[in-house]
Amino acid sequence: MADQCPLCCSKQIQPYFKNKGASYFSCSSCDLVFTPKEFHLSEAAEKIRYDSHQNNPEDKHYRAFLSQVFNPVMDCIQPGDKGLDFGCGPGPTLSVMFEEQGYEVDLFDKFYANDRSIFSNKYDFITATEVAEHLDSPGDELTKLFNMLSVGGVLAVMTKILDEQVDFKSWYYKDDPTHVCFFSRNTIKHLAKAWGARSQFYGNDVVLFFK
């Protein structure tokens, strides 16, 4: 049973949906929908699922998918800026795309590139593609990333947005057991306000936060 929201720590939460695999709750304060930790996979089971991902920088379709983040960020950064690909996965690709344009990009992934020294660095841009929905403590973890930005920096987040058009019962995105929290546009606005940031959507599933 959930006792507080993992993003904003509000106790104003209520049941949202339940199936045989998990119970979901929604937060009245920040509009996050989440499943409590008792329904999360173990780290070992989580890694097995990630190991099955076939992400490859040579895959033109995967590059096209990532261009949803790459293109908006490229419009916001300057030569010499340094980036971080947070949650880069087993086949880092977005970092390669930036490196091809002359940018230096560090990598972090708790399973595949667990270099925790990066958390003491400052970056001009940070990308988190298909990461936010996996976070156990999204408020703390995303705030940590935002605080690692230099002034004028940008944090780019890609995740499927939960809106009124989504039929949650049949929504494929919730059926991945590693997906444990779901953001609405109101959740994004809550984060931006908490950080004193400006946010802007690019398409339906990509948002940039500007420090």
C-alpha atoms as a PDB file:
ATOM      1  CA  MET A   1       0.000   0.000   0.000  1.00  0.00           C
ATOM      2  CA  ALA A   2       1.341   3.403  -0.934  1.00  0.00           C
ATOM      3  CA  ASP A   3       1.574   6.008   1.808  1.00  0.00           C
ATOM      4  CA  GLN A   4       2.974   8.935  -0.170  1.00  0.00           C
ATOM      5  CA  CYS A   5       3.776  10.079  -3.676  1.00  0.00           C
ATOM      6  CA  PRO A   6       7.314   9.147  -4.818  1.00  0.00           C
ATOM      7  CA  LEU A   7       7.628  12.410  -6.750  1.00  0.00           C
ATOM      8  CA  CYS A   8       6.318  15.149  -4.469  1.00  0.00           C
ATOM      9  CA  CYS A   9       5.938  13.213  -1.177  1.00  0.00           C
ATOM     10  CA  SER A  10       2.307  14.287  -0.806  1.00  0.00           C
ATOM     11  CA  LYS A  11       0.079  11.971   1.186  1.00  0.00           C
ATOM     12  CA  GLN A  12      -2.907  13.085  -0.919  1.00  0.00           C
ATOM     13  CA  ILE A  13      -3.009   9.885  -2.955  1.00  0.00           C
ATOM     14  CA  GLN A  14      -5.840   7.611  -3.963  1.00  0.00           C
ATOM     15  CA  PRO A  15      -6.334   4.298  -5.769  1.00  0.00           C
ATOM     16  CA  TYR A  16      -6.249   4.729  -9.550  1.00  0.00           C
ATOM     17  CA  PHE A  17      -6.293   1.282 -11.140  1.00  0.00           C
ATOM     18  CA  LYS A  18      -5.722  -2.349 -10.184  1.00  0.00           C
ATOM     19  CA  ASN A  19      -5.107  -5.530 -12.129  1.00  0.00           C
ATOM     20  CA  LYS A  20      -3.679  -8.927 -11.275  1.00  0.00           C
ATOM     21  CA  GLY A  21      -0.128  -7.613 -11.642  1.00  0.00           C
ATOM     22  CA  ALA A  22      -0.157  -4.373  -9.673  1.00  0.00           C
ATOM     23  CA  SER A  23      -2.079  -1.630  -7.947  1.00  0.00           C
ATOM     24  CA  TYR A  24      -1.692   1.951  -9.154  1.00  0.00           C
ATOM     25  CA  PHE A  25      -2.241   5.191  -7.289  1.00  0.00           C
ATOM     26  CA  SER A  26      -2.574   8.814  -8.361  1.00  0.00           C
ATOM     27  CA  CYS A  27      -1.372  11.902  -6.558  1.00  0.00           C
ATOM     28  CA  SER A  28      -3.736  14.849  -6.130  1.00  0.00           C
ATOM     29  CA  SER A  29      -0.826  17.267  -5.732  1.00  0.00           C
ATOM     30  CA  CYS A  30       1.382  16.533  -8.766  1.00  0.00           C
ATOM     31  CA  ASP A  31      -0.843  14.207 -10.831  1.00  0.00           C
ATOM     32  CA  LEU A  32       1.731  11.388 -10.971  1.00  0.00           C
ATOM     33  CA  VAL A  33       0.348   7.863 -11.399  1.00  0.00           C
ATOM     34  CA  PHE A  34       2.554   5.214  -9.842  1.00  0.00           C
ATOM     35  CA  THR A  35       2.747   1.695  -8.517  1.00  0.00           C
ATOM     36  CA  PRO A  36       4.247   1.134  -5.037  1.00  0.00           C
ATOM     37  CA  LYS A  37       7.622  -0.503  -4.524  1.00  0.00           C
ATOM     38  CA  GLU A  38       6.066  -3.803  -3.456  1.00  0.00           C
ATOM     39  CA  PHE A  39       5.124  -4.314  -7.123  1.00  0.00           C
ATOM     40  CA  HIS A  40       8.539  -3.374  -8.536  1.00  0.00           C
ATOM     41  CA  LEU A  41      10.856  -6.002 -10.005  1.00  0.00           C
ATOM     42  CA  SER A  42      14.038  -6.943  -8.215  1.00  0.00           C
ATOM     43  CA  GLU A  43      17.178  -5.374  -9.686  1.00  0.00           C
ATOM     44  CA  ALA A  44      18.207  -8.774 -11.048  1.00  0.00           C
ATOM     45  CA  ALA A  45      14.871  -9.237 -12.851  1.00  0.00           C
ATOM     46  CA  GLU A  46      14.987  -5.656 -14.058  1.00  0.00           C
ATOM     47  CA  LYS A  47      18.427  -6.134 -15.594  1.00  0.00           C
ATOM     48  CA  ILE A  48      17.347  -9.317 -17.367  1.00  0.00           C
ATOM     49  CA  ARG A  49      14.621  -7.318 -19.076  1.00  0.00           C
ATOM     50  CA  TYR A  50      17.004  -4.512 -20.046  1.00  0.00           C
ATOM     51  CA  ASP A  51      19.524  -7.025 -21.379  1.00  0.00           C
ATOM     52  CA  SER A  52      16.911  -8.009 -23.957  1.00  0.00           C
ATOM     53  CA  HIS A  53      16.803  -4.497 -25.424  1.00  0.00           C
ATOM     54  CA  GLN A  54      18.432  -4.341 -28.843  1.00  0.00           C
ATOM     55  CA  ASN A  55      19.616  -0.731 -28.929  1.00  0.00           C
ATOM     56  CA  ASN A  56      22.309  -0.141 -31.508  1.00  0.00           C
ATOM     57  CA  PRO A  57      23.843   3.126 -32.799  1.00  0.00           C
ATOM     58  CA  GLU A  58      23.914   1.580 -36.278  1.00  0.00           C
ATOM     59  CA  ASP A  59      20.129   1.168 -36.276  1.00  0.00           C
ATOM     60  CA  LYS A  60      18.702   4.007 -38.353  1.00  0.00           C
ATOM     61  CA  HIS A  61      15.210   3.455 -36.941  1.00  0.00           C
ATOM     62  CA  TYR A  62      16.466   3.794 -33.375  1.00  0.00           C
ATOM     63  CA  ARG A  63      18.342   6.944 -34.380  1.00  0.00           C
ATOM     64  CA  ALA A  64      15.151   8.338 -35.886  1.00  0.00           C
ATOM     65  CA  PHE A  65      13.323   7.605 -32.623  1.00  0.00           C
ATOM     66  CA  LEU A  66      16.014   9.395 -30.603  1.00  0.00           C
ATOM     67  CA  SER A  67      15.984  12.357 -32.980  1.00  0.00           C
ATOM     68  CA  GLN A  68      12.832  13.468 -31.142  1.00  0.00           C
ATOM     69  CA  VAL A  69      15.201  14.453 -28.316  1.00  0.00           C
ATOM     70  CA  PHE A  70      18.372  15.054 -30.285  1.00  0.00           C
ATOM     71  CA  ASN A  71      16.990  17.745 -32.582  1.00  0.00           C
ATOM     72  CA  PRO A  72      15.436  20.000 -29.893  1.00  0.00           C
ATOM     73  CA  VAL A  73      18.555  19.748 -27.720  1.00  0.00           C
ATOM     74  CA  MET A  74      20.828  20.548 -30.664  1.00  0.00           C
ATOM     75  CA  ASP A  75      18.818  23.750 -31.161  1.00  0.00           C
ATOM     76  CA  CYS A  76      19.571  24.790 -27.564  1.00  0.00           C
ATOM     77  CA  ILE A  77      23.281  24.056 -27.094  1.00  0.00           C
ATOM     78  CA  GLN A  78      26.494  25.731 -28.150  1.00  0.00           C
ATOM     79  CA  PRO A  79      29.840  24.372 -29.439  1.00  0.00           C
ATOM     80  CA  GLY A  80      31.947  23.203 -26.525  1.00  0.00           C
ATOM     81  CA  ASP A  81      28.986  22.339 -24.301  1.00  0.00           C
ATOM     82  CA  LYS A  82      29.265  19.080 -22.363  1.00  0.00           C
ATOM     83  CA  GLY A  83      26.455  16.581 -21.889  1.00  0.00           C
ATOM     84  CA  LEU A  84      25.337  13.554 -19.933  1.00  0.00           C
ATOM     85  CA  ASP A  85      23.273  10.661 -21.271  1.00  0.00           C
ATOM     86  CA  PHE A  86      21.543   9.448 -18.112  1.00  0.00           C
ATOM     87  CA  GLY A  87      20.187   5.905 -18.387  1.00  0.00           C
ATOM     88  CA  CYS A  88      22.136   5.221 -21.558  1.00  0.00           C
ATOM     89  CA  GLY A  89      21.312   1.486 -21.567  1.00  0.00           C
ATOM     90  CA  PRO A  90      23.380  -1.360 -23.014  1.00  0.00           C
ATOM     91  CA  GLY A  91      23.805   0.270 -26.435  1.00  0.00           C
ATOM     92  CA  PRO A  92      24.463   4.013 -25.989  1.00  0.00           C
ATOM     93  CA  THR A  93      23.305   5.786 -29.125  1.00  0.00           C
ATOM     94  CA  LEU A  94      22.138   9.304 -28.311  1.00  0.00           C
ATOM     95  CA  SER A  95      25.602  10.095 -26.946  1.00  0.00           C
ATOM     96  CA  VAL A  96      27.116   8.879 -30.223  1.00  0.00           C
ATOM     97  CA  MET A  97      24.827  11.198 -32.164  1.00  0.00           C
ATOM     98  CA  PHE A  98      26.033  14.192 -30.136  1.00  0.00           C
ATOM     99  CA  GLU A  99      29.663  13.081 -30.341  1.00  0.00           C
ATOM    100  CA  GLU A 100      29.359  12.957 -34.125  1.00  0.00           C
ATOM    101  CA  GLN A 101      28.540  16.663 -33.928  1.00  0.00           C
ATOM    102  CA  GLY A 102      31.606  17.391 -31.808  1.00  0.00           C
ATOM    103  CA  TYR A 103      30.126  17.283 -28.298  1.00  0.00           C
ATOM    104  CA  GLU A 104      31.612  15.475 -25.309  1.00  0.00           C
ATOM    105  CA  VAL A 105      29.032  13.310 -23.555  1.00  0.00           C
ATOM    106  CA  ASP A 106      29.406  11.308 -20.337  1.00  0.00           C
ATOM    107  CA  LEU A 107      27.376   8.172 -19.732  1.00  0.00           C
ATOM    108  CA  PHE A 108      25.527   6.874 -16.701  1.00  0.00           C
ATOM    109  CA  ASP A 109      23.421   3.772 -16.266  1.00  0.00           C
ATOM    110  CA  LYS A 110      23.041   1.879 -13.007  1.00  0.00           C
ATOM    111  CA  PHE A 111      23.561  -1.426 -14.818  1.00  0.00           C
ATOM    112  CA  TYR A 112      25.802  -0.638 -17.791  1.00  0.00           C
ATOM    113  CA  ALA A 113      27.796   2.505 -16.961  1.00  0.00           C
ATOM    114  CA  ASN A 114      27.676   2.908 -13.184  1.00  0.00           C
ATOM    115  CA  ASP A 115      30.223   5.704 -12.819  1.00  0.00           C
ATOM    116  CA  ARG A 116      28.863   7.601  -9.837  1.00  0.00           C
ATOM    117  CA  SER A 117      31.575  10.248 -10.091  1.00  0.00           C
ATOM    118  CA  ILE A 118      29.397  11.962 -12.695  1.00  0.00           C
ATOM    119  CA  PHE A 119      27.078  13.139  -9.915  1.00  0.00           C
ATOM    120  CA  SER A 120      29.680  15.685  -8.811  1.00  0.00           C
ATOM    121  CA  ASN A 121      29.885  17.199 -12.309  1.00  0.00           C
ATOM    122  CA  LYS A 122      28.079  20.075 -13.971  1.00  0.00           C
ATOM    123  CA  TYR A 123      26.635  19.706 -17.462  1.00  0.00           C
ATOM    124  CA  ASP A 124      25.265  22.005 -20.131  1.00  0.00           C
ATOM    125  CA  PHE A 125      22.765  19.390 -21.271  1.00  0.00           C
ATOM    126  CA  ILE A 126      21.430  16.146 -19.806  1.00  0.00           C
ATOM    127  CA  THR A 127      19.235  13.647 -21.623  1.00  0.00           C
ATOM    128  CA  ALA A 128      17.014  11.019 -20.009  1.00  0.00           C
ATOM    129  CA  THR A 129      15.247   9.066 -22.760  1.00  0.00           C
ATOM    130  CA  GLU A 130      12.768   6.392 -21.704  1.00  0.00           C
ATOM    131  CA  VAL A 131      14.160   6.609 -18.167  1.00  0.00           C
ATOM    132  CA  ALA A 132      11.722   8.604 -16.028  1.00  0.00           C
ATOM    133  CA  GLU A 133       9.065   5.868 -16.029  1.00  0.00           C
ATOM    134  CA  HIS A 134      11.566   3.432 -14.465  1.00  0.00           C
ATOM    135  CA  LEU A 135      12.569   5.571 -11.475  1.00  0.00           C
ATOM    136  CA  ASP A 136      11.791   4.383  -7.954  1.00  0.00           C
ATOM    137  CA  SER A 137      12.146   7.894  -6.542  1.00  0.00           C
ATOM    138  CA  PRO A 138      11.434  10.160  -9.513  1.00  0.00           C
ATOM    139  CA  GLY A 139      11.266  13.366  -7.491  1.00  0.00           C
ATOM    140  CA  ASP A 140      14.696  12.927  -5.912  1.00  0.00           C
ATOM    141  CA  GLU A 141      16.353  11.495  -9.005  1.00  0.00           C
ATOM    142  CA  LEU A 142      15.088  14.050 -11.514  1.00  0.00           C
ATOM    143  CA  THR A 143      15.798  16.921  -9.117  1.00  0.00           C
ATOM    144  CA  LYS A 144      19.361  15.636  -8.742  1.00  0.00           C
ATOM    145  CA  LEU A 145      19.756  15.750 -12.527  1.00  0.00           C
ATOM    146  CA  PHE A 146      18.315  19.263 -12.785  1.00  0.00           C
ATOM    147  CA  ASN A 147      20.692  20.459 -10.059  1.00  0.00           C
ATOM    148  CA  MET A 148      23.625  19.085 -12.075  1.00  0.00           C
ATOM    149  CA  LEU A 149      22.886  21.539 -14.898  1.00  0.00           C
ATOM    150  CA  SER A 150      24.944  24.654 -15.348  1.00  0.00           C
ATOM    151  CA  VAL A 151      22.948  27.883 -15.415  1.00  0.00           C
ATOM    152  CA  GLY A 152      21.388  28.084 -18.860  1.00  0.00           C
ATOM    153  CA  GLY A 153      21.506  24.308 -19.227  1.00  0.00           C
ATOM    154  CA  VAL A 154      18.772  22.004 -20.450  1.00  0.00           C
ATOM    155  CA  LEU A 155      17.375  18.704 -19.166  1.00  0.00           C
ATOM    156  CA  ALA A 156      15.598  16.673 -21.851  1.00  0.00           C
ATOM    157  CA  VAL A 157      13.153  13.982 -20.764  1.00  0.00           C
ATOM    158  CA  MET A 158      11.394  11.529 -23.057  1.00  0.00           C
ATOM    159  CA  THR A 159       8.563   9.435 -21.628  1.00  0.00           C
ATOM    160  CA  LYS A 160       5.048   8.537 -22.744  1.00  0.00           C
ATOM    161  CA  ILE A 161       2.690  11.143 -21.332  1.00  0.00           C
ATOM    162  CA  LEU A 162      -0.448   9.959 -19.578  1.00  0.00           C
ATOM    163  CA  ASP A 163      -3.332  12.185 -20.658  1.00  0.00           C
ATOM    164  CA  GLU A 164      -7.101  12.048 -20.909  1.00  0.00           C
ATOM    165  CA  GLN A 165      -6.908  10.279 -24.265  1.00  0.00           C
ATOM    166  CA  VAL A 166      -5.184   7.258 -22.699  1.00  0.00           C
ATOM    167  CA  ASP A 167      -7.302   4.275 -21.702  1.00  0.00           C
ATOM    168  CA  PHE A 168      -5.113   3.127 -18.825  1.00  0.00           C
ATOM    169  CA  LYS A 169      -6.659  -0.331 -18.661  1.00  0.00           C
ATOM    170  CA  SER A 170      -5.522  -1.155 -22.202  1.00  0.00           C
ATOM    171  CA  TRP A 171      -2.424   1.088 -22.256  1.00  0.00           C
ATOM    172  CA  TYR A 172       0.570  -0.981 -23.364  1.00  0.00           C
ATOM    173  CA  TYR A 173       3.003   1.334 -21.592  1.00  0.00           C
ATOM    174  CA  LYS A 174       1.912   0.267 -18.121  1.00  0.00           C
ATOM    175  CA  ASP A 175       2.267  -3.430 -19.015  1.00  0.00           C
ATOM    176  CA  ASP A 176       6.072  -3.279 -18.960  1.00  0.00           C
ATOM    177  CA  PRO A 177       6.793  -4.316 -15.327  1.00  0.00           C
ATOM    178  CA  THR A 178       9.810  -1.994 -15.215  1.00  0.00           C
ATOM    179  CA  HIS A 179       7.520   1.015 -15.802  1.00  0.00           C
ATOM    180  CA  VAL A 180       6.516   2.180 -12.330  1.00  0.00           C
ATOM    181  CA  CYS A 181       5.521   5.843 -12.696  1.00  0.00           C
ATOM    182  CA  PHE A 182       3.638   7.813 -15.310  1.00  0.00           C
ATOM    183  CA  PHE A 183       3.751  11.546 -15.910  1.00  0.00           C
ATOM    184  CA  SER A 184       1.019  13.868 -17.135  1.00  0.00           C
ATOM    185  CA  ARG A 185       1.534  17.391 -18.432  1.00  0.00           C
ATOM    186  CA  ASN A 186       0.432  18.587 -14.991  1.00  0.00           C
ATOM    187  CA  THR A 187       3.209  16.502 -13.432  1.00  0.00           C
ATOM    188  CA  ILE A 188       5.695  18.200 -15.749  1.00  0.00           C
ATOM    189  CA  LYS A 189       4.326  21.616 -14.761  1.00  0.00           C
ATOM    190  CA  HIS A 190       4.676  20.670 -11.099  1.00  0.00           C
ATOM    191  CA  LEU A 191       8.348  19.785 -11.583  1.00  0.00           C
ATOM    192  CA  ALA A 192       9.072  22.959 -13.524  1.00  0.00           C
ATOM    193  CA  LYS A 193       7.454  25.088 -10.834  1.00  0.00           C
ATOM    194  CA  ALA A 194       9.330  23.269  -8.055  1.00  0.00           C
ATOM    195  CA  TRP A 195      12.627  23.858  -9.845  1.00  0.00           C
ATOM    196  CA  GLY A 196      11.919  27.406 -10.960  1.00  0.00           C
ATOM    197  CA  ALA A 197      12.450  26.183 -14.510  1.00  0.00           C
ATOM    198  CA  ARG A 198      10.859  26.874 -17.849  1.00  0.00           C
ATOM    199  CA  SER A 199       9.508  23.770 -19.591  1.00  0.00           C
ATOM    200  CA  GLN A 200       8.580  23.209 -23.202  1.00  0.00           C
ATOM    201  CA  PHE A 201       7.078  20.184 -24.925  1.00  0.00           C
ATOM    202  CA  TYR A 202       8.305  18.956 -28.286  1.00  0.00           C
ATOM    203  CA  GLY A 203       5.650  16.636 -29.648  1.00  0.00           C
ATOM    204  CA  ASN A 204       3.714  14.560 -27.146  1.00  0.00           C
ATOM    205  CA  ASP A 205       6.461  12.738 -25.304  1.00  0.00           C
ATOM    206  CA  VAL A 206       9.515  15.006 -25.090  1.00  0.00           C
ATOM    207  CA  VAL A 207       9.913  17.889 -22.671  1.00  0.00           C
ATOM    208  CA  LEU A 208      12.876  20.187 -22.149  1.00  0.00           C
ATOM    209  CA  PHE A 209      13.462  21.912 -18.823  1.00  0.00           C
ATOM    210  CA  PHE A 210      15.563  25.081 -19.010  1.00  0.00           C
ATOM    211  CA  LYS A 211      17.576  26.207 -15.989  1.00  0.00           C
END
